[in-house]
Amino acid sequence: MNKGSIKSDLVRVDRMSDDDIDYSDIPPLDEKFFVRVTMPPKKQLTIRLDSDVLDWFKAYGRGYQTRINRILRVVMESQPPAAPSKPRSASELKQRPGRVSKRRAALRAKRSARAAK
């Protein structure tokens, strides 16, 4: 198909009225369709990817971030829902699990020294 025939088809389609279009093979859309179509809002974040992985996505041209999101969505939707995590307190968020701050370690050492006396 060449550009000339595409342009002539577009002109022909533009001239058609709504009554000339056959919609009989299109199923009616219900409310479920429109609920499913809406996507959650996007959030901006910083993510570190291996350079070869990023190069692979970029090699396919513009829209690589959208492609990454779609692939992650397919993986997410193929998994069972995750159990809800319990909310963590602010102090838990500041500290990595298994690590004790220097200040807290010093306080514990003082308490231990007092208890030993």
N, C-alpha and C. Protein backbone atom coordinates (compact mmCIF):
# COMPACT_ATOMS: atom_id res chain seq x y z
N MET A 1 0.85 -1.17 0.00
CA MET A 1 0.00 0.00 0.00
C MET A 1 0.89 1.24 0.00
N ASN A 2 0.61 2.18 -0.87
CA ASN A 2 1.42 3.39 -0.92
C ASN A 2 0.69 4.57 -0.27
N LYS A 3 1.42 5.67 -0.09
CA LYS A 3 0.84 6.84 0.59
C LYS A 3 -0.36 7.40 -0.16
N GLY A 4 -0.34 7.33 -1.47
CA GLY A 4 -1.45 7.85 -2.27
C GLY A 4 -2.75 7.13 -1.97
N SER A 5 -2.70 5.79 -1.89
CA SER A 5 -3.92 5.05 -1.63
C SER A 5 -4.40 5.25 -0.19
N ILE A 6 -3.48 5.44 0.77
CA ILE A 6 -3.88 5.72 2.15
C ILE A 6 -4.59 7.06 2.23
N LYS A 7 -4.04 8.07 1.55
CA LYS A 7 -4.65 9.40 1.57
C LYS A 7 -6.04 9.35 0.95
N SER A 8 -6.20 8.62 -0.16
CA SER A 8 -7.52 8.56 -0.79
C SER A 8 -8.52 7.82 0.10
N ASP A 9 -8.05 6.80 0.82
CA ASP A 9 -8.93 6.09 1.77
C ASP A 9 -9.34 7.02 2.90
N LEU A 10 -8.41 7.82 3.41
CA LEU A 10 -8.73 8.74 4.49
C LEU A 10 -9.74 9.79 4.05
N VAL A 11 -9.59 10.27 2.83
CA VAL A 11 -10.53 11.25 2.29
C VAL A 11 -11.92 10.60 2.20
N ARG A 12 -11.97 9.36 1.71
CA ARG A 12 -13.25 8.63 1.57
C ARG A 12 -13.89 8.43 2.94
N VAL A 13 -13.09 8.05 3.94
CA VAL A 13 -13.61 7.82 5.29
C VAL A 13 -14.10 9.14 5.89
N ASP A 14 -13.38 10.22 5.66
CA ASP A 14 -13.80 11.54 6.17
C ASP A 14 -15.15 11.95 5.60
N ARG A 15 -15.44 11.56 4.38
CA ARG A 15 -16.70 11.94 3.74
C ARG A 15 -17.88 11.09 4.22
N MET A 16 -17.60 9.97 4.86
CA MET A 16 -18.69 9.09 5.32
C MET A 16 -19.44 9.73 6.48
N SER A 17 -20.74 9.50 6.51
CA SER A 17 -21.54 9.95 7.66
C SER A 17 -21.59 8.80 8.67
N ASP A 18 -22.02 9.09 9.89
CA ASP A 18 -22.11 8.05 10.92
C ASP A 18 -23.06 6.94 10.52
N ASP A 19 -24.09 7.28 9.74
CA ASP A 19 -25.07 6.27 9.29
C ASP A 19 -24.45 5.28 8.31
N ASP A 20 -23.38 5.67 7.62
CA ASP A 20 -22.72 4.80 6.64
C ASP A 20 -21.79 3.78 7.29
N ILE A 21 -21.50 3.95 8.55
CA ILE A 21 -20.54 3.07 9.23
C ILE A 21 -21.27 1.90 9.85
N ASP A 22 -20.77 0.69 9.61
CA ASP A 22 -21.38 -0.53 10.14
C ASP A 22 -20.75 -0.86 11.49
N TYR A 23 -21.51 -0.71 12.56
CA TYR A 23 -21.04 -0.99 13.92
C TYR A 23 -21.50 -2.37 14.42
N SER A 24 -22.10 -3.17 13.57
CA SER A 24 -22.72 -4.43 14.01
C SER A 24 -21.74 -5.44 14.61
N ASP A 25 -20.48 -5.39 14.21
CA ASP A 25 -19.51 -6.36 14.73
C ASP A 25 -18.80 -5.89 16.00
N ILE A 26 -19.18 -4.72 16.52
CA ILE A 26 -18.55 -4.18 17.73
C ILE A 26 -19.48 -4.45 18.92
N PRO A 27 -19.01 -5.19 19.92
CA PRO A 27 -19.89 -5.46 21.07
C PRO A 27 -20.17 -4.18 21.86
N PRO A 28 -21.35 -4.10 22.48
CA PRO A 28 -21.65 -2.91 23.27
C PRO A 28 -20.72 -2.84 24.49
N LEU A 29 -20.38 -1.63 24.88
CA LEU A 29 -19.50 -1.43 26.02
C LEU A 29 -20.34 -1.16 27.26
N ASP A 30 -20.06 -1.89 28.34
CA ASP A 30 -20.77 -1.66 29.59
C ASP A 30 -19.87 -0.90 30.57
N GLU A 31 -20.36 -0.66 31.77
CA GLU A 31 -19.61 0.10 32.77
C GLU A 31 -18.30 -0.60 33.17
N LYS A 32 -18.28 -1.93 33.16
CA LYS A 32 -17.06 -2.67 33.51
C LYS A 32 -15.89 -2.29 32.61
N PHE A 33 -16.19 -2.07 31.33
CA PHE A 33 -15.14 -1.70 30.38
C PHE A 33 -14.48 -0.40 30.80
N PHE A 34 -15.27 0.58 31.16
CA PHE A 34 -14.71 1.89 31.48
C PHE A 34 -13.99 1.90 32.82
N VAL A 35 -14.41 1.06 33.75
CA VAL A 35 -13.70 0.95 35.03
C VAL A 35 -12.33 0.34 34.79
N ARG A 36 -12.30 -0.66 33.95
CA ARG A 36 -11.05 -1.37 33.67
C ARG A 36 -10.07 -0.51 32.89
N VAL A 37 -10.57 0.41 32.09
CA VAL A 37 -9.72 1.24 31.25
C VAL A 37 -8.92 2.24 32.08
N THR A 38 -9.49 2.74 33.16
CA THR A 38 -8.79 3.75 33.94
C THR A 38 -7.53 3.16 34.56
N MET A 39 -6.49 3.92 34.51
CA MET A 39 -5.21 3.48 35.05
C MET A 39 -4.89 4.31 36.29
N PRO A 40 -4.18 3.70 37.23
CA PRO A 40 -3.80 4.48 38.41
C PRO A 40 -2.84 5.60 38.02
N PRO A 41 -2.80 6.66 38.83
CA PRO A 41 -1.88 7.75 38.50
C PRO A 41 -0.43 7.29 38.58
N LYS A 42 0.40 7.93 37.82
CA LYS A 42 1.83 7.60 37.82
C LYS A 42 2.52 8.32 38.97
N LYS A 43 3.61 7.72 39.45
CA LYS A 43 4.45 8.35 40.47
C LYS A 43 5.86 8.41 39.91
N GLN A 44 6.52 9.53 40.16
CA GLN A 44 7.89 9.67 39.71
C GLN A 44 8.82 9.06 40.75
N LEU A 45 9.82 8.31 40.29
CA LEU A 45 10.79 7.74 41.19
C LEU A 45 12.12 7.58 40.48
N THR A 46 13.12 7.28 41.26
CA THR A 46 14.43 7.00 40.70
C THR A 46 14.67 5.51 40.85
N ILE A 47 15.08 4.87 39.79
CA ILE A 47 15.33 3.42 39.82
C ILE A 47 16.68 3.17 39.16
N ARG A 48 17.41 2.24 39.69
CA ARG A 48 18.70 1.89 39.10
C ARG A 48 18.54 0.59 38.32
N LEU A 49 18.90 0.64 37.05
CA LEU A 49 18.83 -0.52 36.17
C LEU A 49 20.23 -0.82 35.67
N ASP A 50 20.49 -2.07 35.37
CA ASP A 50 21.76 -2.42 34.73
C ASP A 50 21.83 -1.68 33.40
N SER A 51 23.01 -1.21 33.05
CA SER A 51 23.15 -0.39 31.85
C SER A 51 22.74 -1.16 30.59
N ASP A 52 23.04 -2.46 30.53
CA ASP A 52 22.66 -3.21 29.33
C ASP A 52 21.15 -3.38 29.22
N VAL A 53 20.46 -3.47 30.36
CA VAL A 53 19.00 -3.57 30.36
C VAL A 53 18.41 -2.26 29.84
N LEU A 54 18.90 -1.14 30.35
CA LEU A 54 18.41 0.16 29.91
C LEU A 54 18.71 0.38 28.42
N ASP A 55 19.90 0.01 27.99
CA ASP A 55 20.26 0.15 26.57
C ASP A 55 19.31 -0.67 25.69
N TRP A 56 18.94 -1.86 26.16
CA TRP A 56 18.02 -2.72 25.40
C TRP A 56 16.67 -2.04 25.23
N PHE A 57 16.13 -1.46 26.31
CA PHE A 57 14.85 -0.76 26.22
C PHE A 57 14.95 0.45 25.30
N LYS A 58 16.03 1.22 25.45
CA LYS A 58 16.20 2.43 24.64
C LYS A 58 16.41 2.11 23.16
N ALA A 59 16.95 0.92 22.86
CA ALA A 59 17.21 0.54 21.47
C ALA A 59 15.92 0.47 20.65
N TYR A 60 14.79 0.29 21.31
CA TYR A 60 13.51 0.22 20.61
C TYR A 60 12.89 1.59 20.40
N GLY A 61 13.61 2.65 20.77
CA GLY A 61 13.15 4.01 20.49
C GLY A 61 12.44 4.66 21.66
N ARG A 62 11.76 5.76 21.34
CA ARG A 62 11.07 6.54 22.35
C ARG A 62 10.03 5.68 23.08
N GLY A 63 9.72 6.09 24.30
CA GLY A 63 8.71 5.38 25.07
C GLY A 63 9.25 4.24 25.89
N TYR A 64 10.55 4.21 26.14
CA TYR A 64 11.12 3.08 26.87
C TYR A 64 10.59 3.01 28.30
N GLN A 65 10.30 4.15 28.93
CA GLN A 65 9.77 4.12 30.29
C GLN A 65 8.38 3.50 30.31
N THR A 66 7.58 3.80 29.30
CA THR A 66 6.25 3.21 29.18
C THR A 66 6.37 1.71 28.97
N ARG A 67 7.32 1.27 28.17
CA ARG A 67 7.52 -0.17 27.95
C ARG A 67 7.92 -0.86 29.25
N ILE A 68 8.81 -0.23 30.01
CA ILE A 68 9.22 -0.81 31.30
C ILE A 68 8.00 -0.95 32.20
N ASN A 69 7.17 0.10 32.25
CA ASN A 69 5.97 0.06 33.09
C ASN A 69 5.03 -1.05 32.66
N ARG A 70 4.83 -1.20 31.34
CA ARG A 70 3.93 -2.26 30.83
C ARG A 70 4.44 -3.64 31.19
N ILE A 71 5.74 -3.85 31.05
CA ILE A 71 6.31 -5.17 31.39
C ILE A 71 6.14 -5.45 32.87
N LEU A 72 6.41 -4.45 33.71
CA LEU A 72 6.23 -4.63 35.15
C LEU A 72 4.76 -4.90 35.49
N ARG A 73 3.84 -4.23 34.80
CA ARG A 73 2.41 -4.46 35.04
C ARG A 73 2.01 -5.89 34.68
N VAL A 74 2.50 -6.41 33.56
CA VAL A 74 2.19 -7.79 33.15
C VAL A 74 2.67 -8.76 34.23
N VAL A 75 3.89 -8.54 34.73
CA VAL A 75 4.42 -9.41 35.78
C VAL A 75 3.58 -9.28 37.04
N MET A 76 3.24 -8.05 37.43
CA MET A 76 2.44 -7.83 38.63
C MET A 76 1.08 -8.52 38.52
N GLU A 77 0.42 -8.37 37.38
CA GLU A 77 -0.92 -8.95 37.20
C GLU A 77 -0.89 -10.47 37.10
N SER A 78 0.27 -11.04 36.80
CA SER A 78 0.37 -12.50 36.70
C SER A 78 0.63 -13.16 38.06
N GLN A 79 0.87 -12.36 39.08
CA GLN A 79 1.18 -12.87 40.42
C GLN A 79 -0.06 -12.78 41.31
N PRO A 80 -0.13 -13.65 42.33
CA PRO A 80 -1.23 -13.50 43.29
C PRO A 80 -1.06 -12.20 44.07
N PRO A 81 -2.17 -11.64 44.55
CA PRO A 81 -2.05 -10.38 45.31
C PRO A 81 -1.15 -10.57 46.53
N ALA A 82 -0.34 -9.57 46.79
CA ALA A 82 0.57 -9.62 47.94
C ALA A 82 -0.22 -9.35 49.21
N ALA A 83 0.20 -9.98 50.29
CA ALA A 83 -0.43 -9.73 51.58
C ALA A 83 -0.12 -8.29 51.99
N PRO A 84 -1.10 -7.59 52.56
CA PRO A 84 -0.82 -6.22 52.97
C PRO A 84 0.26 -6.17 54.04
N SER A 85 1.16 -5.24 53.90
CA SER A 85 2.23 -5.12 54.89
C SER A 85 1.75 -4.26 56.03
N LYS A 86 2.28 -4.53 57.23
CA LYS A 86 1.87 -3.74 58.38
C LYS A 86 2.56 -2.38 58.32
N PRO A 87 1.85 -1.33 58.70
CA PRO A 87 2.47 -0.01 58.68
C PRO A 87 3.64 0.05 59.66
N ARG A 88 4.72 0.70 59.25
CA ARG A 88 5.88 0.81 60.11
C ARG A 88 5.94 2.20 60.73
N SER A 89 6.49 2.26 61.92
CA SER A 89 6.62 3.54 62.59
C SER A 89 7.75 4.35 61.95
N ALA A 90 7.79 5.63 62.27
CA ALA A 90 8.82 6.51 61.71
C ALA A 90 10.21 6.05 62.11
N SER A 91 10.36 5.58 63.35
CA SER A 91 11.69 5.14 63.79
C SER A 91 12.13 3.88 63.04
N GLU A 92 11.18 3.00 62.72
CA GLU A 92 11.52 1.80 61.95
C GLU A 92 11.93 2.17 60.53
N LEU A 93 11.30 3.18 59.98
CA LEU A 93 11.63 3.59 58.61
C LEU A 93 13.01 4.22 58.52
N LYS A 94 13.44 4.89 59.58
CA LYS A 94 14.75 5.56 59.58
C LYS A 94 15.90 4.58 59.67
N GLN A 95 15.64 3.43 60.26
CA GLN A 95 16.71 2.49 60.54
C GLN A 95 16.56 1.22 59.71
N ARG A 96 17.63 0.70 59.20
CA ARG A 96 17.58 -0.55 58.46
C ARG A 96 17.43 -1.70 59.44
N PRO A 97 16.69 -2.74 59.08
CA PRO A 97 16.54 -3.89 59.98
C PRO A 97 17.90 -4.50 60.31
N GLY A 98 18.07 -4.86 61.57
CA GLY A 98 19.32 -5.51 61.98
C GLY A 98 20.44 -4.55 62.28
N ARG A 99 20.23 -3.26 62.10
CA ARG A 99 21.28 -2.28 62.37
C ARG A 99 20.87 -1.41 63.54
N VAL A 100 21.81 -1.08 64.36
CA VAL A 100 21.57 -0.24 65.52
C VAL A 100 22.37 1.04 65.33
N SER A 101 21.72 2.17 65.58
CA SER A 101 22.43 3.44 65.43
C SER A 101 23.55 3.52 66.46
N LYS A 102 24.54 4.34 66.16
CA LYS A 102 25.68 4.50 67.09
C LYS A 102 25.20 5.03 68.43
N ARG A 103 24.27 5.96 68.39
CA ARG A 103 23.76 6.53 69.66
C ARG A 103 23.08 5.46 70.49
N ARG A 104 22.22 4.67 69.86
CA ARG A 104 21.51 3.61 70.58
C ARG A 104 22.48 2.57 71.11
N ALA A 105 23.50 2.24 70.33
CA ALA A 105 24.50 1.27 70.78
C ALA A 105 25.25 1.82 72.00
N ALA A 106 25.57 3.12 71.99
CA ALA A 106 26.25 3.73 73.15
C ALA A 106 25.37 3.70 74.39
N LEU A 107 24.07 3.99 74.21
CA LEU A 107 23.14 3.94 75.36
C LEU A 107 23.04 2.53 75.92
N ARG A 108 22.99 1.55 75.06
CA ARG A 108 22.92 0.16 75.52
C ARG A 108 24.19 -0.22 76.28
N ALA A 109 25.33 0.24 75.77
CA ALA A 109 26.60 -0.08 76.45
C ALA A 109 26.64 0.56 77.83
N LYS A 110 26.15 1.81 77.97
CA LYS A 110 26.11 2.46 79.28
C LYS A 110 25.20 1.70 80.23
N ARG A 111 24.02 1.28 79.75
CA ARG A 111 23.09 0.53 80.60
C ARG A 111 23.72 -0.78 81.05
N SER A 112 24.38 -1.44 80.14
CA SER A 112 25.02 -2.72 80.50
C SER A 112 26.11 -2.51 81.53
N ALA A 113 26.88 -1.43 81.38
CA ALA A 113 27.96 -1.13 82.33
C ALA A 113 27.37 -0.82 83.71
N ARG A 114 26.27 -0.08 83.78
CA ARG A 114 25.62 0.23 85.05
C ARG A 114 25.08 -1.03 85.70
N ALA A 115 24.47 -1.88 84.88
CA ALA A 115 23.88 -3.11 85.44
C ALA A 115 24.97 -4.04 85.96
N ALA A 116 26.16 -4.01 85.39
CA ALA A 116 27.25 -4.89 85.81
C ALA A 116 27.85 -4.45 87.13
N LYS A 117 27.68 -3.18 87.53
CA LYS A 117 28.28 -2.66 88.77
C LYS A 117 27.60 -3.17 89.97
